Amino acid sequence: MDAEISQGEENCQSGGRNTDGTGSSLVSTTHEGAVDLLSALIISALMNHSPSTRPQVSLAYLIHEVARLMKRRFEDEARVHGITLPQWRALAQIAKSDGISQAALAALTDTDPMTMSGILDRLEKRGMIERTVDPSDSRAKFARLTEAGREHYSTAKSVGLAMYETALEGVTPAERQVVETALSKIRENLSGPAADLKELQP
């Protein structure tokens, strides 16, 4: 892994967790850390509601925990392969959209432009991507995978699929479909233009 990882990228990778091996928690000042903190506060508040809300609380907590554990597993695997999780995310998006602009890449990965620029600098330094200047705008750059970048992306896909199957071990195809359908509906409810947050009734 690169010896010099920017603080922004490191925070993006760890999501506010201490990476010194002690396991102690740190409150990150990054956007992702703030979201994690907010999620924890919401879940803590929900846990104090009446028994009638327990099923909803359990579902919300499980969704949060599964997302957290999958993210941690990806981070651990990323370190094994000498690359940060944000770098893997960038490689995946570049693989999907060859010649993507840095601005579009930052938006797709929910990363601020300066942090994304640092991520791409490191990937380019390691020979995983190449960047070209937009002929119509010298301030804009396009990113493409090199052969080495494609190899890392292929590794990332294999690791991701293996982790996914491990997570779903013992879950039948029918159960997977039920979970996928339910989560898709939840996502639609939360992201739709008509979605309004309603105050929970005690």
Protein backbone atom coordinates (compact mmCIF):
# COMPACT_ATOMS: atom_id res chain seq x y z
CA MET A 1 0.00 0.00 0.00
CA ASP A 2 1.21 3.49 -0.66
CA ALA A 3 3.25 4.92 2.17
CA GLU A 4 1.58 8.27 1.77
CA ILE A 5 -2.21 8.08 1.97
CA SER A 6 -3.99 11.39 2.33
CA GLN A 7 -6.01 11.96 5.50
CA GLY A 8 -9.13 12.39 3.41
CA GLU A 9 -8.69 9.03 1.71
CA GLU A 10 -7.81 7.30 4.98
CA ASN A 11 -10.96 8.67 6.63
CA CYS A 12 -12.98 7.59 3.62
CA GLN A 13 -11.52 4.10 3.87
CA SER A 14 -11.97 3.57 7.59
CA GLY A 15 -15.31 5.31 8.00
CA GLY A 16 -14.08 6.81 11.26
CA ARG A 17 -12.68 3.59 12.78
CA ASN A 18 -9.28 3.57 14.38
CA THR A 19 -6.92 1.62 12.10
CA ASP A 20 -4.14 1.17 14.63
CA GLY A 21 -5.33 -2.34 15.46
CA THR A 22 -6.70 -1.47 18.93
CA GLY A 23 -10.29 -1.54 17.78
CA SER A 24 -11.18 1.69 19.60
CA SER A 25 -13.67 4.02 17.90
CA LEU A 26 -12.96 7.51 16.71
CA VAL A 27 -15.54 10.09 15.66
CA SER A 28 -14.59 11.05 12.12
CA THR A 29 -15.10 14.57 10.84
CA THR A 30 -15.68 13.30 7.30
CA HIS A 31 -19.11 13.09 5.67
CA GLU A 32 -19.14 9.29 6.01
CA GLY A 33 -18.16 9.46 9.66
CA ALA A 34 -20.95 11.96 10.33
CA VAL A 35 -23.46 9.67 8.67
CA ASP A 36 -22.24 6.71 10.77
CA LEU A 37 -22.59 8.77 13.94
CA LEU A 38 -26.07 9.93 12.96
CA SER A 39 -27.10 6.35 12.22
CA ALA A 40 -25.89 5.24 15.64
CA LEU A 41 -27.84 8.02 17.35
CA ILE A 42 -31.02 7.18 15.43
CA ILE A 43 -30.70 3.49 16.27
CA SER A 44 -30.09 4.28 19.95
CA ALA A 45 -33.21 6.42 20.00
CA LEU A 46 -35.27 3.73 18.30
CA MET A 47 -34.14 1.12 20.81
CA ASN A 48 -35.92 3.11 23.54
CA HIS A 49 -39.31 2.95 21.83
CA SER A 50 -42.23 0.82 22.96
CA PRO A 51 -42.47 -2.94 22.24
CA SER A 52 -44.85 -2.23 19.36
CA THR A 53 -41.97 -0.72 17.38
CA ARG A 54 -39.48 -3.53 18.13
CA PRO A 55 -39.93 -5.32 14.75
CA GLN A 56 -39.12 -2.11 12.86
CA VAL A 57 -36.20 -1.41 15.18
CA SER A 58 -34.77 -4.92 14.70
CA LEU A 59 -34.97 -4.61 10.90
CA ALA A 60 -33.32 -1.17 10.89
CA TYR A 61 -30.58 -2.41 13.20
CA LEU A 62 -29.91 -5.51 11.10
CA ILE A 63 -29.69 -3.46 7.89
CA HIS A 64 -27.19 -1.15 9.58
CA GLU A 65 -25.15 -4.04 11.01
CA VAL A 66 -24.99 -6.01 7.76
CA ALA A 67 -23.84 -2.92 5.86
CA ARG A 68 -21.21 -2.19 8.53
CA LEU A 69 -19.85 -5.74 8.58
CA MET A 70 -19.70 -6.02 4.79
CA LYS A 71 -17.86 -2.70 4.60
CA ARG A 72 -15.36 -3.88 7.23
CA ARG A 73 -14.76 -7.16 5.39
CA PHE A 74 -14.10 -5.28 2.15
CA GLU A 75 -11.67 -2.98 3.95
CA ASP A 76 -9.78 -5.95 5.40
CA GLU A 77 -9.58 -7.63 2.00
CA ALA A 78 -8.47 -4.39 0.35
CA ARG A 79 -5.55 -4.08 2.77
CA VAL A 80 -4.50 -7.67 2.05
CA HIS A 81 -4.23 -6.80 -1.65
CA GLY A 82 -2.28 -3.60 -0.97
CA ILE A 83 -4.99 -1.16 -2.01
CA THR A 84 -7.44 1.03 -0.15
CA LEU A 85 -11.19 0.57 -0.35
CA PRO A 86 -11.69 4.02 -1.96
CA GLN A 87 -9.15 3.07 -4.62
CA TRP A 88 -11.05 -0.14 -5.32
CA ARG A 89 -14.27 1.83 -5.66
CA ALA A 90 -12.62 4.18 -8.12
CA LEU A 91 -11.24 1.27 -10.17
CA ALA A 92 -14.69 -0.32 -10.33
CA GLN A 93 -16.34 2.85 -11.61
CA ILE A 94 -13.59 3.47 -14.16
CA ALA A 95 -13.98 -0.13 -15.38
CA LYS A 96 -17.70 0.49 -15.89
CA SER A 97 -17.18 3.81 -17.67
CA ASP A 98 -13.89 3.88 -19.55
CA GLY A 99 -12.68 7.46 -19.98
CA ILE A 100 -14.83 8.81 -17.16
CA SER A 101 -14.10 12.34 -15.94
CA GLN A 102 -12.76 12.95 -12.45
CA ALA A 103 -15.80 15.07 -11.60
CA ALA A 104 -18.21 12.31 -12.61
CA LEU A 105 -16.13 9.74 -10.74
CA ALA A 106 -16.24 11.82 -7.56
CA ALA A 107 -20.02 12.14 -7.83
CA LEU A 108 -20.57 8.42 -8.44
CA THR A 109 -18.47 7.42 -5.42
CA ASP A 110 -19.84 10.19 -3.17
CA THR A 111 -16.33 11.57 -2.72
CA ASP A 112 -15.28 15.20 -2.73
CA PRO A 113 -13.26 16.22 -5.82
CA MET A 114 -10.04 16.93 -3.93
CA THR A 115 -10.03 13.51 -2.25
CA MET A 116 -10.80 11.82 -5.57
CA SER A 117 -7.92 13.68 -7.20
CA GLY A 118 -5.58 12.25 -4.54
CA ILE A 119 -6.95 8.73 -5.03
CA LEU A 120 -6.38 8.95 -8.78
CA ASP A 121 -2.88 10.39 -8.27
CA ARG A 122 -1.93 7.27 -6.31
CA LEU A 123 -3.56 4.89 -8.77
CA GLU A 124 -1.75 6.59 -11.64
CA LYS A 125 1.55 6.50 -9.74
CA ARG A 126 1.14 2.74 -9.31
CA GLY A 127 0.38 2.30 -12.99
CA MET A 128 -3.25 1.22 -12.54
CA ILE A 129 -4.81 4.08 -14.48
CA GLU A 130 -3.85 6.66 -17.04
CA ARG A 131 -5.32 10.14 -17.31
CA THR A 132 -5.74 12.38 -20.32
CA VAL A 133 -6.67 16.04 -20.51
CA ASP A 134 -10.04 17.00 -22.00
CA PRO A 135 -9.23 18.81 -25.29
CA SER A 136 -12.14 21.20 -24.70
CA ASP A 137 -11.27 21.94 -21.06
CA SER A 138 -7.68 21.73 -19.86
CA ARG A 139 -8.89 21.66 -16.23
CA ALA A 140 -10.76 18.38 -16.75
CA LYS A 141 -9.19 14.93 -16.98
CA PHE A 142 -10.42 11.52 -18.08
CA ALA A 143 -9.37 8.26 -16.41
CA ARG A 144 -8.85 4.85 -18.01
CA LEU A 145 -7.66 1.52 -16.60
CA THR A 146 -4.27 0.14 -17.58
CA GLU A 147 -3.59 -3.60 -17.79
CA ALA A 148 -2.46 -3.56 -14.16
CA GLY A 149 -5.63 -1.72 -13.20
CA ARG A 150 -7.78 -4.29 -14.96
CA GLU A 151 -5.98 -7.08 -13.08
CA HIS A 152 -6.70 -5.39 -9.73
CA TYR A 153 -10.31 -4.83 -10.74
CA SER A 154 -10.64 -8.51 -11.63
CA THR A 155 -9.23 -9.43 -8.23
CA ALA A 156 -11.67 -7.06 -6.53
CA LYS A 157 -14.60 -8.69 -8.31
CA SER A 158 -13.49 -12.17 -7.29
CA VAL A 159 -13.01 -11.15 -3.66
CA GLY A 160 -16.35 -9.35 -3.63
CA LEU A 161 -18.24 -12.33 -5.06
CA ALA A 162 -16.58 -14.70 -2.59
CA MET A 163 -17.47 -12.46 0.33
CA TYR A 164 -21.04 -12.13 -0.95
CA GLU A 165 -21.48 -15.88 -1.12
CA THR A 166 -20.00 -16.27 2.36
CA ALA A 167 -22.48 -13.73 3.70
CA LEU A 168 -25.40 -15.60 2.08
CA GLU A 169 -24.30 -19.08 3.13
CA GLY A 170 -27.34 -21.05 4.26
CA VAL A 171 -29.79 -18.58 2.71
CA THR A 172 -31.98 -20.23 0.10
CA PRO A 173 -32.57 -18.66 -3.33
CA ALA A 174 -36.19 -17.98 -2.34
CA GLU A 175 -35.07 -16.21 0.85
CA ARG A 176 -32.55 -14.18 -1.12
CA GLN A 177 -35.29 -13.03 -3.47
CA VAL A 178 -37.54 -12.00 -0.58
CA VAL A 179 -34.73 -9.96 1.03
CA GLU A 180 -33.77 -8.36 -2.28
CA THR A 181 -37.39 -7.40 -3.01
CA ALA A 182 -37.92 -5.96 0.46
CA LEU A 183 -34.69 -3.95 0.42
CA SER A 184 -35.47 -2.63 -3.06
CA LYS A 185 -38.81 -1.36 -1.79
CA ILE A 186 -37.17 0.25 1.23
CA ARG A 187 -34.62 1.97 -1.01
CA GLU A 188 -37.38 3.19 -3.30
CA ASN A 189 -39.37 4.54 -0.35
CA LEU A 190 -36.37 6.46 0.97
CA SER A 191 -35.08 7.80 -2.34
CA GLY A 192 -38.34 8.58 -4.16
CA PRO A 193 -39.38 12.23 -4.65
CA ALA A 194 -42.51 11.67 -2.56
CA ALA A 195 -40.68 10.06 0.35
CA ASP A 196 -41.24 12.03 3.55
CA LEU A 197 -39.86 11.11 6.93
CA LYS A 198 -42.71 10.67 9.43
CA GLU A 199 -42.30 11.08 13.15
CA LEU A 200 -42.33 7.75 14.97
CA GLN A 201 -45.29 7.30 17.28
CA PRO A 202 -44.47 5.96 20.76
